[in-house]
C-alpha atoms as a PDB file:
ATOM      1  CA  MET A   1      18.415   2.550 -72.295  1.00  0.00           C
ATOM      2  CA  PRO A   2      17.786   6.156 -71.191  1.00  0.00           C
ATOM      3  CA  ASN A   3      16.697   4.818 -67.796  1.00  0.00           C
ATOM      4  CA  LEU A   4      20.063   3.066 -67.415  1.00  0.00           C
ATOM      5  CA  ILE A   5      21.930   6.266 -68.278  1.00  0.00           C
ATOM      6  CA  LYS A   6      19.741   8.236 -65.866  1.00  0.00           C
ATOM      7  CA  ARG A   7      20.479   5.747 -63.075  1.00  0.00           C
ATOM      8  CA  PHE A   8      24.200   5.941 -63.838  1.00  0.00           C
ATOM      9  CA  LEU A   9      24.273   9.743 -63.790  1.00  0.00           C
ATOM     10  CA  SER A  10      22.194  10.106 -60.625  1.00  0.00           C
ATOM     11  CA  PHE A  11      23.679   9.340 -57.234  1.00  0.00           C
ATOM     12  CA  ASP A  12      20.495   7.832 -55.789  1.00  0.00           C
ATOM     13  CA  THR A  13      21.918   4.324 -55.910  1.00  0.00           C
ATOM     14  CA  LEU A  14      25.561   3.506 -55.408  1.00  0.00           C
ATOM     15  CA  LEU A  15      27.528   1.419 -57.884  1.00  0.00           C
ATOM     16  CA  GLY A  16      29.986   0.177 -55.278  1.00  0.00           C
ATOM     17  CA  VAL A  17      28.607  -3.299 -54.583  1.00  0.00           C
ATOM     18  CA  GLY A  18      28.209  -4.227 -58.240  1.00  0.00           C
ATOM     19  CA  LEU A  19      31.574  -2.735 -59.083  1.00  0.00           C
ATOM     20  CA  ALA A  20      33.251  -4.675 -56.257  1.00  0.00           C
ATOM     21  CA  ARG A  21      31.773  -7.910 -57.613  1.00  0.00           C
ATOM     22  CA  ILE A  22      33.037  -7.180 -61.135  1.00  0.00           C
ATOM     23  CA  ILE A  23      36.512  -6.358 -59.804  1.00  0.00           C
ATOM     24  CA  TYR A  24      36.413  -9.595 -57.782  1.00  0.00           C
ATOM     25  CA  TYR A  25      35.850 -11.670 -60.920  1.00  0.00           C
ATOM     26  CA  PHE A  26      38.629  -9.850 -62.796  1.00  0.00           C
ATOM     27  CA  GLY A  27      40.943 -10.543 -59.863  1.00  0.00           C
ATOM     28  CA  LEU A  28      40.012 -14.231 -59.881  1.00  0.00           C
ATOM     29  CA  VAL A  29      40.855 -14.433 -63.575  1.00  0.00           C
ATOM     30  CA  ALA A  30      44.206 -12.725 -62.933  1.00  0.00           C
ATOM     31  CA  ILE A  31      45.043 -15.075 -60.050  1.00  0.00           C
ATOM     32  CA  ALA A  32      44.049 -18.115 -62.114  1.00  0.00           C
ATOM     33  CA  GLY A  33      46.260 -16.827 -64.929  1.00  0.00           C
ATOM     34  CA  GLY A  34      49.148 -16.490 -62.510  1.00  0.00           C
ATOM     35  CA  ILE A  35      48.628 -20.072 -61.325  1.00  0.00           C
ATOM     36  CA  VAL A  36      48.593 -21.354 -64.903  1.00  0.00           C
ATOM     37  CA  ILE A  37      51.778 -19.416 -65.718  1.00  0.00           C
ATOM     38  CA  GLY A  38      53.399 -20.763 -62.547  1.00  0.00           C
ATOM     39  CA  LEU A  39      52.516 -24.334 -63.501  1.00  0.00           C
ATOM     40  CA  PHE A  40      53.906 -23.705 -66.982  1.00  0.00           C
ATOM     41  CA  LEU A  41      57.145 -22.608 -65.332  1.00  0.00           C
ATOM     42  CA  VAL A  42      57.176 -25.935 -63.471  1.00  0.00           C
ATOM     43  CA  ILE A  43      57.183 -27.702 -66.830  1.00  0.00           C
ATOM     44  CA  MET A  44      59.952 -25.401 -68.039  1.00  0.00           C
ATOM     45  CA  SER A  45      62.008 -26.164 -64.902  1.00  0.00           C
ATOM     46  CA  ILE A  46      61.638 -29.893 -65.550  1.00  0.00           C
ATOM     47  CA  ALA A  47      62.679 -29.369 -69.158  1.00  0.00           C
ATOM     48  CA  ALA A  48      65.752 -27.438 -67.977  1.00  0.00           C
ATOM     49  CA  GLY A  49      66.717 -30.249 -65.604  1.00  0.00           C
ATOM     50  CA  ASN A  50      65.953 -28.455 -62.337  1.00  0.00           C
ATOM     51  CA  PHE A  51      63.903 -31.237 -60.749  1.00  0.00           C
ATOM     52  CA  SER A  52      64.182 -30.097 -57.135  1.00  0.00           C
ATOM     53  CA  GLY A  53      63.029 -26.578 -58.032  1.00  0.00           C
ATOM     54  CA  ALA A  54      60.196 -28.004 -60.126  1.00  0.00           C
ATOM     55  CA  ILE A  55      58.973 -30.155 -57.241  1.00  0.00           C
ATOM     56  CA  MET A  56      59.049 -27.166 -54.903  1.00  0.00           C
ATOM     57  CA  GLN A  57      57.166 -25.007 -57.432  1.00  0.00           C
ATOM     58  CA  MET A  58      54.651 -27.787 -58.030  1.00  0.00           C
ATOM     59  CA  PHE A  59      53.579 -27.546 -54.388  1.00  0.00           C
ATOM     60  CA  ALA A  60      54.143 -23.817 -53.862  1.00  0.00           C
ATOM     61  CA  VAL A  61      52.251 -22.446 -56.877  1.00  0.00           C
ATOM     62  CA  PRO A  62      48.835 -23.974 -56.032  1.00  0.00           C
ATOM     63  CA  ALA A  63      49.264 -23.227 -52.320  1.00  0.00           C
ATOM     64  CA  ILE A  64      50.148 -19.583 -52.925  1.00  0.00           C
ATOM     65  CA  GLY A  65      47.339 -19.355 -55.488  1.00  0.00           C
ATOM     66  CA  LEU A  66      44.839 -20.675 -52.929  1.00  0.00           C
ATOM     67  CA  VAL A  67      46.028 -18.162 -50.322  1.00  0.00           C
ATOM     68  CA  ALA A  68      45.799 -15.371 -52.907  1.00  0.00           C
ATOM     69  CA  ILE A  69      42.215 -16.352 -53.794  1.00  0.00           C
ATOM     70  CA  VAL A  70      41.176 -16.374 -50.131  1.00  0.00           C
ATOM     71  CA  LEU A  71      42.822 -12.987 -49.468  1.00  0.00           C
ATOM     72  CA  TRP A  72      41.291 -11.489 -52.626  1.00  0.00           C
ATOM     73  CA  ARG A  73      37.853 -12.700 -51.534  1.00  0.00           C
ATOM     74  CA  PHE A  74      38.407 -11.168 -48.092  1.00  0.00           C
ATOM     75  CA  VAL A  75      39.437  -7.782 -49.537  1.00  0.00           C
ATOM     76  CA  CYS A  76      36.440  -7.678 -51.865  1.00  0.00           C
ATOM     77  CA  GLU A  77      34.077  -8.637 -49.033  1.00  0.00           C
ATOM     78  CA  ILE A  78      35.466  -5.763 -46.968  1.00  0.00           C
ATOM     79  CA  PHE A  79      34.643  -3.357 -49.803  1.00  0.00           C
ATOM     80  CA  ILE A  80      31.123  -4.803 -50.130  1.00  0.00           C
ATOM     81  CA  VAL A  81      30.562  -4.459 -46.373  1.00  0.00           C
ATOM     82  CA  LEU A  82      31.714  -0.831 -46.468  1.00  0.00           C
ATOM     83  CA  PHE A  83      29.379   0.010 -49.346  1.00  0.00           C
ATOM     84  CA  GLU A  84      26.424  -1.776 -47.747  1.00  0.00           C
ATOM     85  CA  MET A  85      27.138  -0.036 -44.442  1.00  0.00           C
ATOM     86  CA  ASN A  86      26.270   3.253 -46.128  1.00  0.00           C
ATOM     87  CA  GLU A  87      22.881   1.881 -47.185  1.00  0.00           C
ATOM     88  CA  ARG A  88      22.169   0.550 -43.701  1.00  0.00           C
ATOM     89  CA  LEU A  89      23.083   3.889 -42.139  1.00  0.00           C
ATOM     90  CA  GLY A  90      20.594   5.555 -44.491  1.00  0.00           C
ATOM     91  CA  ASP A  91      17.894   3.125 -43.351  1.00  0.00           C
ATOM     92  CA  LEU A  92      18.785   3.834 -39.728  1.00  0.00           C
ATOM     93  CA  ARG A  93      18.598   7.597 -40.327  1.00  0.00           C
ATOM     94  CA  ASN A  94      15.179   7.183 -41.916  1.00  0.00           C
ATOM     95  CA  ALA A  95      13.984   5.077 -38.975  1.00  0.00           C
ATOM     96  CA  VAL A  96      15.115   7.644 -36.408  1.00  0.00           C
ATOM     97  CA  TYR A  97      14.342  10.931 -38.152  1.00  0.00           C
ATOM     98  CA  GLY A  98      11.722   9.813 -40.647  1.00  0.00           C
ATOM     99  CA  PRO A  99      12.002   9.828 -44.409  1.00  0.00           C
ATOM    100  CA  PRO A 100      13.821  12.739 -46.017  1.00  0.00           C
ATOM    101  CA  ARG A 101      11.656  15.762 -46.737  1.00  0.00           C
ATOM    102  CA  GLN A 102      10.777  16.864 -50.218  1.00  0.00           C
ATOM    103  CA  PRO A 103      12.874  19.765 -51.482  1.00  0.00           C
ATOM    104  CA  ASP A 104      11.368  23.228 -51.451  1.00  0.00           C
ATOM    105  CA  PRO A 105       9.559  23.777 -54.765  1.00  0.00           C
ATOM    106  CA  ASN A 106      10.532  27.468 -54.668  1.00  0.00           C
ATOM    107  CA  ALA A 107      14.244  26.673 -54.425  1.00  0.00           C
ATOM    108  CA  PRO A 108      16.318  27.688 -57.455  1.00  0.00           C
ATOM    109  CA  GLN A 109      17.231  24.943 -59.916  1.00  0.00           C
ATOM    110  CA  PHE A 110      20.896  24.702 -60.863  1.00  0.00           C
END
């Protein structure tokens, strides 16, 4: 457990990719909830006697939900690419200039 806390408090590894994946799953749950609520409203429209609106909603809700899922996936992939780009740039820097040097042991500790 202390190792996990130490990794969290240090900035040696970035949390961005894992955090983007967690946010992606929360977004999927929210979109699925919106689709379920929309389909419930279709049933309510039928119960109220609005058949033409219910038919339109029956086709529109899943279609809009599918588009929302694809766009959400795209946005989250953009974030993952941006976070991984930082890691790749670090690898490129190390390849060109060599690995980072060790800090001066005589430097003051803050």
